[in-house]
Amino acid sequence: MTFLWLAITVYIQLASAQNWYAFHGYEYFVEKTGTLYTHSEAENECAAKEATLANVKTKQIQDFLVKSIGTFPGEPFSFFIGAMRNAANEFVWTDGTKLSNTETQWRPSPMEPNNVEEKCVTMGWHGAKELFGWLDISCGIRTGFICQKKLQVWFKDGIQL
């Protein structure tokens, strides 16, 4: 009975949090209101939500986010995620781990590995054949963003899991 109450409570809390989606112990916020942000502004927006830009480290997370984004008219067409080119010209996640070939969803078009101006990464609609593939871009370009934070579950008496 307690589990059912907990499941209903979690569902109600998540359902009331617009644009937040729960998956494998994390909540993901998708900014898809049409307001566009630079990478720095997106990081600040995530921080204000006690979150970071999303670390899309698996195909399962990628597929979940694509489903959560869905289709909608207008902008944004792409979203900043938590990968960024570091000083050593390597892409790393917000937690400092390097991207590996098994977790990347780069779009089929070749990226320019030495283009130091394109430090930030988006996932989005980069053409019909590249739906939600990743693209390295300038951090000053304005787009949507996706945040993540650990899923927090609260019991009735204010005890947190």
N, C-alpha and C. Protein backbone atom coordinates (compact mmCIF):
# COMPACT_ATOMS: atom_id res chain seq x y z
N MET A 1 0.82 -1.19 0.00
CA MET A 1 0.00 0.00 0.00
C MET A 1 0.87 1.26 0.00
N THR A 2 1.96 1.24 0.78
CA THR A 2 2.86 2.38 0.83
C THR A 2 3.48 2.65 -0.53
N PHE A 3 3.85 1.58 -1.25
CA PHE A 3 4.44 1.74 -2.57
C PHE A 3 3.46 2.41 -3.52
N LEU A 4 2.21 2.02 -3.49
CA LEU A 4 1.19 2.61 -4.35
C LEU A 4 1.03 4.10 -4.04
N TRP A 5 0.98 4.44 -2.75
CA TRP A 5 0.87 5.84 -2.37
C TRP A 5 2.07 6.63 -2.87
N LEU A 6 3.27 6.04 -2.71
CA LEU A 6 4.50 6.69 -3.16
C LEU A 6 4.47 6.89 -4.66
N ALA A 7 4.08 5.88 -5.40
CA ALA A 7 4.03 5.97 -6.87
C ALA A 7 3.05 7.06 -7.31
N ILE A 8 1.90 7.13 -6.67
CA ILE A 8 0.90 8.14 -7.02
C ILE A 8 1.42 9.53 -6.69
N THR A 9 2.06 9.68 -5.53
CA THR A 9 2.61 10.97 -5.12
C THR A 9 3.69 11.43 -6.09
N VAL A 10 4.61 10.54 -6.46
CA VAL A 10 5.67 10.88 -7.40
C VAL A 10 5.06 11.28 -8.73
N TYR A 11 4.10 10.53 -9.22
CA TYR A 11 3.45 10.84 -10.49
C TYR A 11 2.80 12.23 -10.44
N ILE A 12 2.11 12.53 -9.37
CA ILE A 12 1.43 13.83 -9.25
C ILE A 12 2.46 14.95 -9.21
N GLN A 13 3.55 14.78 -8.46
CA GLN A 13 4.56 15.83 -8.38
C GLN A 13 5.22 16.05 -9.73
N LEU A 14 5.54 14.98 -10.44
CA LEU A 14 6.18 15.12 -11.74
C LEU A 14 5.22 15.69 -12.77
N ALA A 15 3.97 15.26 -12.72
CA ALA A 15 2.99 15.74 -13.69
C ALA A 15 2.74 17.23 -13.51
N SER A 16 2.88 17.73 -12.29
CA SER A 16 2.62 19.14 -12.05
C SER A 16 3.84 20.01 -12.39
N ALA A 17 4.98 19.41 -12.57
CA ALA A 17 6.19 20.15 -12.91
C ALA A 17 6.32 20.20 -14.43
N GLN A 18 5.81 21.27 -15.02
CA GLN A 18 5.76 21.39 -16.47
C GLN A 18 7.15 21.28 -17.09
N ASN A 19 7.24 20.49 -18.13
CA ASN A 19 8.45 20.27 -18.92
C ASN A 19 9.53 19.46 -18.19
N TRP A 20 9.23 18.86 -17.04
CA TRP A 20 10.15 17.95 -16.35
C TRP A 20 9.71 16.52 -16.64
N TYR A 21 10.69 15.65 -16.94
CA TYR A 21 10.41 14.26 -17.28
C TYR A 21 11.37 13.36 -16.51
N ALA A 22 10.84 12.32 -15.86
CA ALA A 22 11.66 11.42 -15.04
C ALA A 22 12.10 10.20 -15.85
N PHE A 23 13.38 9.82 -15.65
CA PHE A 23 13.93 8.64 -16.33
C PHE A 23 15.15 8.15 -15.57
N HIS A 24 15.15 6.90 -15.15
CA HIS A 24 16.28 6.23 -14.52
C HIS A 24 16.96 7.05 -13.43
N GLY A 25 16.17 7.56 -12.50
CA GLY A 25 16.73 8.25 -11.34
C GLY A 25 17.05 9.72 -11.56
N TYR A 26 16.72 10.25 -12.73
CA TYR A 26 16.96 11.67 -13.01
C TYR A 26 15.69 12.32 -13.52
N GLU A 27 15.64 13.63 -13.35
CA GLU A 27 14.59 14.44 -13.95
C GLU A 27 15.25 15.29 -15.03
N TYR A 28 14.59 15.41 -16.15
CA TYR A 28 15.10 16.21 -17.26
C TYR A 28 14.11 17.32 -17.56
N PHE A 29 14.62 18.55 -17.66
CA PHE A 29 13.80 19.70 -18.00
C PHE A 29 14.11 20.08 -19.44
N VAL A 30 13.07 20.17 -20.25
CA VAL A 30 13.24 20.54 -21.65
C VAL A 30 12.66 21.94 -21.85
N GLU A 31 13.53 22.89 -22.16
CA GLU A 31 13.09 24.27 -22.42
C GLU A 31 12.63 24.35 -23.87
N LYS A 32 11.32 24.31 -24.03
CA LYS A 32 10.76 24.35 -25.39
C LYS A 32 9.62 25.35 -25.49
N THR A 33 9.79 26.48 -24.80
CA THR A 33 8.75 27.50 -24.82
C THR A 33 8.89 28.44 -26.01
N GLY A 34 10.01 28.38 -26.70
CA GLY A 34 10.25 29.30 -27.80
C GLY A 34 11.27 30.37 -27.44
N THR A 35 11.58 30.52 -26.13
CA THR A 35 12.62 31.44 -25.70
C THR A 35 13.97 30.80 -26.02
N LEU A 36 14.89 31.57 -26.56
CA LEU A 36 16.19 31.04 -26.96
C LEU A 36 17.29 31.60 -26.06
N TYR A 37 18.29 30.79 -25.78
CA TYR A 37 19.35 31.11 -24.81
C TYR A 37 20.72 30.82 -25.40
N THR A 38 21.73 31.60 -24.97
CA THR A 38 23.11 31.23 -25.25
C THR A 38 23.48 30.08 -24.31
N HIS A 39 24.62 29.47 -24.52
CA HIS A 39 25.05 28.37 -23.66
C HIS A 39 25.19 28.84 -22.21
N SER A 40 25.80 29.99 -22.01
CA SER A 40 25.99 30.53 -20.66
C SER A 40 24.64 30.80 -19.99
N GLU A 41 23.71 31.37 -20.73
CA GLU A 41 22.38 31.63 -20.18
C GLU A 41 21.67 30.31 -19.85
N ALA A 42 21.85 29.29 -20.71
CA ALA A 42 21.24 27.98 -20.45
C ALA A 42 21.80 27.36 -19.18
N GLU A 43 23.12 27.46 -19.00
CA GLU A 43 23.74 26.95 -17.76
C GLU A 43 23.15 27.65 -16.54
N ASN A 44 22.98 28.97 -16.64
CA ASN A 44 22.41 29.74 -15.52
C ASN A 44 20.97 29.34 -15.25
N GLU A 45 20.19 29.11 -16.29
CA GLU A 45 18.80 28.68 -16.12
C GLU A 45 18.74 27.32 -15.43
N CYS A 46 19.62 26.41 -15.84
CA CYS A 46 19.67 25.09 -15.19
C CYS A 46 20.07 25.23 -13.72
N ALA A 47 21.09 26.05 -13.45
CA ALA A 47 21.55 26.25 -12.07
C ALA A 47 20.42 26.80 -11.21
N ALA A 48 19.60 27.70 -11.77
CA ALA A 48 18.46 28.25 -11.02
C ALA A 48 17.44 27.16 -10.69
N LYS A 49 17.44 26.07 -11.45
CA LYS A 49 16.55 24.94 -11.21
C LYS A 49 17.26 23.84 -10.40
N GLU A 50 18.46 24.19 -9.86
CA GLU A 50 19.29 23.24 -9.11
C GLU A 50 19.63 22.04 -9.97
N ALA A 51 20.00 22.31 -11.23
CA ALA A 51 20.30 21.27 -12.21
C ALA A 51 21.52 21.69 -13.04
N THR A 52 21.96 20.81 -13.93
CA THR A 52 23.02 21.11 -14.89
C THR A 52 22.50 20.77 -16.28
N LEU A 53 23.22 21.22 -17.29
CA LEU A 53 22.86 20.78 -18.63
C LEU A 53 22.98 19.26 -18.69
N ALA A 54 22.10 18.62 -19.45
CA ALA A 54 21.96 17.17 -19.42
C ALA A 54 23.16 16.43 -20.00
N ASN A 55 23.58 15.39 -19.29
CA ASN A 55 24.62 14.47 -19.76
C ASN A 55 23.93 13.30 -20.45
N VAL A 56 23.94 13.31 -21.76
CA VAL A 56 23.22 12.32 -22.56
C VAL A 56 24.20 11.19 -22.90
N LYS A 57 24.52 10.39 -21.89
CA LYS A 57 25.61 9.41 -22.01
C LYS A 57 25.21 8.08 -22.63
N THR A 58 23.93 7.83 -22.84
CA THR A 58 23.52 6.55 -23.43
C THR A 58 22.48 6.78 -24.51
N LYS A 59 22.35 5.81 -25.37
CA LYS A 59 21.32 5.85 -26.42
C LYS A 59 19.94 5.85 -25.79
N GLN A 60 19.79 5.17 -24.65
CA GLN A 60 18.50 5.13 -23.96
C GLN A 60 18.09 6.53 -23.49
N ILE A 61 19.03 7.29 -22.94
CA ILE A 61 18.72 8.65 -22.51
C ILE A 61 18.39 9.50 -23.74
N GLN A 62 19.19 9.37 -24.79
CA GLN A 62 18.94 10.11 -26.03
C GLN A 62 17.52 9.83 -26.53
N ASP A 63 17.15 8.55 -26.62
CA ASP A 63 15.82 8.19 -27.12
C ASP A 63 14.71 8.72 -26.22
N PHE A 64 14.93 8.65 -24.90
CA PHE A 64 13.95 9.18 -23.95
C PHE A 64 13.75 10.68 -24.15
N LEU A 65 14.85 11.41 -24.30
CA LEU A 65 14.75 12.86 -24.47
C LEU A 65 14.08 13.22 -25.79
N VAL A 66 14.39 12.49 -26.85
CA VAL A 66 13.74 12.73 -28.14
C VAL A 66 12.23 12.54 -28.00
N LYS A 67 11.83 11.48 -27.31
CA LYS A 67 10.40 11.23 -27.09
C LYS A 67 9.79 12.34 -26.22
N SER A 68 10.51 12.79 -25.21
CA SER A 68 10.01 13.85 -24.33
C SER A 68 9.87 15.18 -25.05
N ILE A 69 10.81 15.46 -25.94
CA ILE A 69 10.75 16.70 -26.72
C ILE A 69 9.55 16.66 -27.65
N GLY A 70 9.35 15.50 -28.29
CA GLY A 70 8.22 15.36 -29.21
C GLY A 70 8.34 16.29 -30.39
N THR A 71 7.23 16.56 -31.01
CA THR A 71 7.22 17.50 -32.13
C THR A 71 6.32 18.66 -31.75
N PHE A 72 6.75 19.84 -32.08
CA PHE A 72 5.97 21.02 -31.80
C PHE A 72 6.34 22.08 -32.83
N PRO A 73 5.43 22.97 -33.13
CA PRO A 73 5.72 23.99 -34.14
C PRO A 73 6.64 25.07 -33.59
N GLY A 74 7.42 25.66 -34.45
CA GLY A 74 8.25 26.79 -34.06
C GLY A 74 9.55 26.40 -33.40
N GLU A 75 10.25 27.41 -32.90
CA GLU A 75 11.54 27.18 -32.26
C GLU A 75 11.34 26.78 -30.82
N PRO A 76 12.32 26.19 -30.15
CA PRO A 76 13.66 25.92 -30.65
C PRO A 76 13.70 24.64 -31.49
N PHE A 77 14.67 24.61 -32.38
CA PHE A 77 14.87 23.44 -33.21
C PHE A 77 15.98 22.56 -32.65
N SER A 78 16.75 23.10 -31.74
CA SER A 78 17.81 22.32 -31.10
C SER A 78 17.96 22.78 -29.66
N PHE A 79 18.72 21.99 -28.89
CA PHE A 79 18.80 22.18 -27.44
C PHE A 79 20.24 21.95 -26.98
N PHE A 80 20.77 22.91 -26.19
CA PHE A 80 22.08 22.68 -25.59
C PHE A 80 21.99 21.49 -24.64
N ILE A 81 23.02 20.64 -24.68
CA ILE A 81 23.16 19.55 -23.71
C ILE A 81 24.49 19.76 -22.99
N GLY A 82 24.81 18.88 -22.05
CA GLY A 82 25.96 19.09 -21.17
C GLY A 82 27.30 18.65 -21.67
N ALA A 83 27.52 18.63 -22.97
CA ALA A 83 28.84 18.32 -23.52
C ALA A 83 29.47 19.60 -24.04
N MET A 84 30.79 19.71 -23.83
CA MET A 84 31.50 20.92 -24.25
C MET A 84 32.95 20.57 -24.56
N ARG A 85 33.52 21.28 -25.51
CA ARG A 85 34.93 21.08 -25.88
C ARG A 85 35.82 21.74 -24.82
N ASN A 86 36.79 21.00 -24.29
CA ASN A 86 37.69 21.57 -23.26
C ASN A 86 38.95 22.14 -23.92
N ALA A 87 39.89 22.62 -23.10
CA ALA A 87 41.12 23.25 -23.60
C ALA A 87 41.98 22.26 -24.38
N ALA A 88 41.85 20.97 -24.11
CA ALA A 88 42.63 19.94 -24.82
C ALA A 88 41.92 19.51 -26.11
N ASN A 89 40.86 20.23 -26.50
CA ASN A 89 40.09 19.96 -27.72
C ASN A 89 39.35 18.62 -27.65
N GLU A 90 38.98 18.19 -26.44
CA GLU A 90 38.20 16.97 -26.24
C GLU A 90 36.82 17.37 -25.74
N PHE A 91 35.82 16.59 -26.10
CA PHE A 91 34.49 16.86 -25.59
C PHE A 91 34.30 16.14 -24.27
N VAL A 92 33.83 16.89 -23.26
CA VAL A 92 33.59 16.34 -21.93
C VAL A 92 32.19 16.73 -21.47
N TRP A 93 31.65 15.91 -20.56
CA TRP A 93 30.35 16.20 -19.95
C TRP A 93 30.51 17.18 -18.80
N THR A 94 29.40 17.69 -18.31
CA THR A 94 29.45 18.64 -17.20
C THR A 94 30.07 18.03 -15.95
N ASP A 95 30.04 16.70 -15.84
CA ASP A 95 30.66 16.05 -14.68
C ASP A 95 32.15 15.79 -14.89
N GLY A 96 32.70 16.22 -16.04
CA GLY A 96 34.13 16.09 -16.30
C GLY A 96 34.54 14.84 -17.06
N THR A 97 33.62 13.89 -17.25
CA THR A 97 33.98 12.67 -17.98
C THR A 97 34.00 12.94 -19.48
N LYS A 98 34.92 12.24 -20.17
CA LYS A 98 35.05 12.39 -21.62
C LYS A 98 33.94 11.64 -22.33
N LEU A 99 33.53 12.18 -23.47
CA LEU A 99 32.57 11.46 -24.31
C LEU A 99 33.29 10.27 -24.93
N SER A 100 32.59 9.15 -25.04
CA SER A 100 33.16 7.99 -25.70
C SER A 100 32.36 7.69 -26.96
N ASN A 101 32.93 6.90 -27.84
CA ASN A 101 32.24 6.57 -29.09
C ASN A 101 30.95 5.81 -28.86
N THR A 102 30.84 5.09 -27.76
CA THR A 102 29.64 4.30 -27.50
C THR A 102 28.47 5.15 -27.03
N GLU A 103 28.72 6.39 -26.60
CA GLU A 103 27.63 7.20 -26.06
C GLU A 103 27.26 8.39 -26.94
N THR A 104 27.98 8.59 -28.01
CA THR A 104 27.73 9.79 -28.81
C THR A 104 26.70 9.55 -29.89
N GLN A 105 25.97 10.59 -30.19
CA GLN A 105 24.92 10.56 -31.21
C GLN A 105 25.20 11.67 -32.23
N TRP A 106 26.46 11.83 -32.61
CA TRP A 106 26.81 12.90 -33.54
C TRP A 106 26.03 12.73 -34.83
N ARG A 107 25.65 13.83 -35.41
CA ARG A 107 24.92 13.78 -36.68
C ARG A 107 25.84 13.19 -37.74
N PRO A 108 25.27 12.64 -38.83
CA PRO A 108 26.10 11.98 -39.85
C PRO A 108 27.10 12.91 -40.53
N SER A 109 26.78 14.20 -40.64
CA SER A 109 27.72 15.13 -41.26
C SER A 109 28.97 15.22 -40.42
N PRO A 110 30.13 15.28 -41.05
CA PRO A 110 31.36 15.32 -40.25
C PRO A 110 31.48 16.62 -39.45
N MET A 111 31.93 16.49 -38.20
CA MET A 111 32.18 17.69 -37.41
C MET A 111 33.62 18.11 -37.67
N GLU A 112 33.92 19.34 -37.38
CA GLU A 112 35.26 19.86 -37.59
C GLU A 112 36.01 19.77 -36.26
N PRO A 113 36.86 18.75 -36.09
CA PRO A 113 37.49 18.51 -34.79
C PRO A 113 38.39 19.64 -34.31
N ASN A 114 38.87 20.47 -35.21
CA ASN A 114 39.80 21.53 -34.80
C ASN A 114 39.15 22.90 -34.80
N ASN A 115 37.85 22.98 -34.94
CA ASN A 115 37.18 24.27 -34.94
C ASN A 115 36.94 24.70 -33.49
N VAL A 116 37.88 25.47 -32.96
CA VAL A 116 37.82 25.87 -31.55
C VAL A 116 36.68 26.84 -31.27
N GLU A 117 36.07 27.41 -32.30
CA GLU A 117 34.93 28.31 -32.10
C GLU A 117 33.67 27.54 -31.74
N GLU A 118 33.62 26.27 -32.10
CA GLU A 118 32.42 25.45 -31.86
C GLU A 118 32.67 24.56 -30.65
N LYS A 119 32.50 25.14 -29.47
CA LYS A 119 32.81 24.44 -28.22
C LYS A 119 31.61 23.76 -27.59
N CYS A 120 30.41 24.19 -27.92
CA CYS A 120 29.21 23.68 -27.26
C CYS A 120 28.50 22.66 -28.15
N VAL A 121 27.65 21.85 -27.52
CA VAL A 121 26.97 20.76 -28.25
C VAL A 121 25.46 20.90 -28.09
N THR A 122 24.75 20.72 -29.20
CA THR A 122 23.30 20.68 -29.17
C THR A 122 22.82 19.36 -29.73
N MET A 123 21.60 19.00 -29.36
CA MET A 123 20.90 17.92 -30.05
C MET A 123 19.64 18.56 -30.60
N GLY A 124 19.27 18.19 -31.81
CA GLY A 124 18.09 18.83 -32.38
C GLY A 124 17.82 18.46 -33.80
N TRP A 125 17.02 19.27 -34.43
CA TRP A 125 16.60 19.03 -35.80
C TRP A 125 17.58 19.70 -36.73
N HIS A 126 18.60 18.97 -37.14
CA HIS A 126 19.63 19.52 -38.04
C HIS A 126 19.41 18.97 -39.45
N GLY A 127 18.19 18.94 -39.89
CA GLY A 127 17.86 18.39 -41.20
C GLY A 127 17.10 17.10 -41.05
N ALA A 128 16.28 16.77 -42.02
CA ALA A 128 15.38 15.61 -41.93
C ALA A 128 16.12 14.30 -41.68
N LYS A 129 17.30 14.13 -42.23
CA LYS A 129 18.03 12.88 -42.05
C LYS A 129 18.88 12.88 -40.78
N GLU A 130 18.90 14.01 -40.09
CA GLU A 130 19.75 14.14 -38.91
C GLU A 130 18.92 14.51 -37.69
N LEU A 131 17.74 13.95 -37.59
CA LEU A 131 16.82 14.28 -36.52
C LEU A 131 17.44 14.00 -35.16
N PHE A 132 17.63 15.04 -34.38
CA PHE A 132 18.16 15.00 -33.02
C PHE A 132 19.59 14.47 -32.93
N GLY A 133 20.33 14.52 -34.00
CA GLY A 133 21.76 14.24 -33.92
C GLY A 133 22.45 15.37 -33.19
N TRP A 134 23.66 15.13 -32.71
CA TRP A 134 24.41 16.15 -31.99
C TRP A 134 25.20 17.00 -32.98
N LEU A 135 25.40 18.25 -32.61
CA LEU A 135 26.13 19.18 -33.45
C LEU A 135 26.96 20.09 -32.56
N ASP A 136 28.23 20.26 -32.89
CA ASP A 136 29.05 21.23 -32.15
C ASP A 136 28.85 22.60 -32.79
N ILE A 137 28.57 23.59 -31.94
CA ILE A 137 28.26 24.94 -32.41
C ILE A 137 28.94 25.97 -31.53
N SER A 138 28.88 27.20 -31.95
CA SER A 138 29.38 28.31 -31.13
C SER A 138 28.48 28.44 -29.90
N CYS A 139 29.07 28.71 -28.75
CA CYS A 139 28.32 28.83 -27.50
C CYS A 139 27.44 30.08 -27.46
N GLY A 140 27.68 31.02 -28.38
CA GLY A 140 26.91 32.25 -28.42
C GLY A 140 25.61 32.15 -29.21
N ILE A 141 25.43 31.05 -29.93
CA ILE A 141 24.19 30.84 -30.68
C ILE A 141 23.06 30.63 -29.69
N ARG A 142 21.89 31.12 -30.02
CA ARG A 142 20.73 30.99 -29.13
C ARG A 142 19.87 29.81 -29.55
N THR A 143 19.53 28.99 -28.56
CA THR A 143 18.70 27.80 -28.80
C THR A 143 18.01 27.40 -27.50
N GLY A 144 17.30 26.29 -27.50
CA GLY A 144 16.72 25.76 -26.27
C GLY A 144 17.78 25.03 -25.46
N PHE A 145 17.37 24.35 -24.40
CA PHE A 145 18.33 23.59 -23.60
C PHE A 145 17.61 22.48 -22.84
N ILE A 146 18.40 21.52 -22.36
CA ILE A 146 17.88 20.42 -21.55
C ILE A 146 18.71 20.33 -20.28
N CYS A 147 18.05 20.39 -19.13
CA CYS A 147 18.72 20.27 -17.83
C CYS A 147 18.47 18.88 -17.25
N GLN A 148 19.30 18.51 -16.30
CA GLN A 148 19.08 17.27 -15.55
C GLN A 148 19.42 17.49 -14.09
N LYS A 149 18.71 16.74 -13.24
CA LYS A 149 19.06 16.69 -11.82
C LYS A 149 18.58 15.35 -11.29
N LYS A 150 19.16 14.95 -10.18
CA LYS A 150 18.75 13.68 -9.56
C LYS A 150 17.29 13.77 -9.17
N LEU A 151 16.59 12.69 -9.41
CA LEU A 151 15.17 12.60 -9.05
C LEU A 151 15.06 12.62 -7.53
N GLN A 152 14.25 13.51 -7.02
CA GLN A 152 14.04 13.60 -5.57
C GLN A 152 12.64 13.10 -5.25
N VAL A 153 12.58 12.15 -4.35
CA VAL A 153 11.31 11.58 -3.93
C VAL A 153 11.09 11.94 -2.47
N TRP A 154 9.94 12.51 -2.18
CA TRP A 154 9.59 12.92 -0.82
C TRP A 154 8.45 12.07 -0.29
N PHE A 155 8.55 11.64 0.95
CA PHE A 155 7.45 10.95 1.61
C PHE A 155 6.53 11.98 2.25
N LYS A 156 5.41 11.53 2.68
CA LYS A 156 4.38 12.40 3.25
C LYS A 156 4.91 13.28 4.39
N ASP A 157 5.76 12.72 5.29
CA ASP A 157 6.22 13.49 6.43
C ASP A 157 7.48 14.31 6.12
N GLY A 158 7.79 14.55 4.85
CA GLY A 158 8.92 15.39 4.49
C GLY A 158 10.24 14.66 4.47
N ILE A 159 10.25 13.35 4.54
CA ILE A 159 11.49 12.57 4.48
C ILE A 159 11.83 12.37 3.01
N GLN A 160 13.09 12.63 2.67
CA GLN A 160 13.54 12.51 1.30
C GLN A 160 14.29 11.20 1.10
N LEU A 161 14.07 10.56 -0.04
CA LEU A 161 14.85 9.37 -0.41
C LEU A 161 16.16 9.78 -1.00
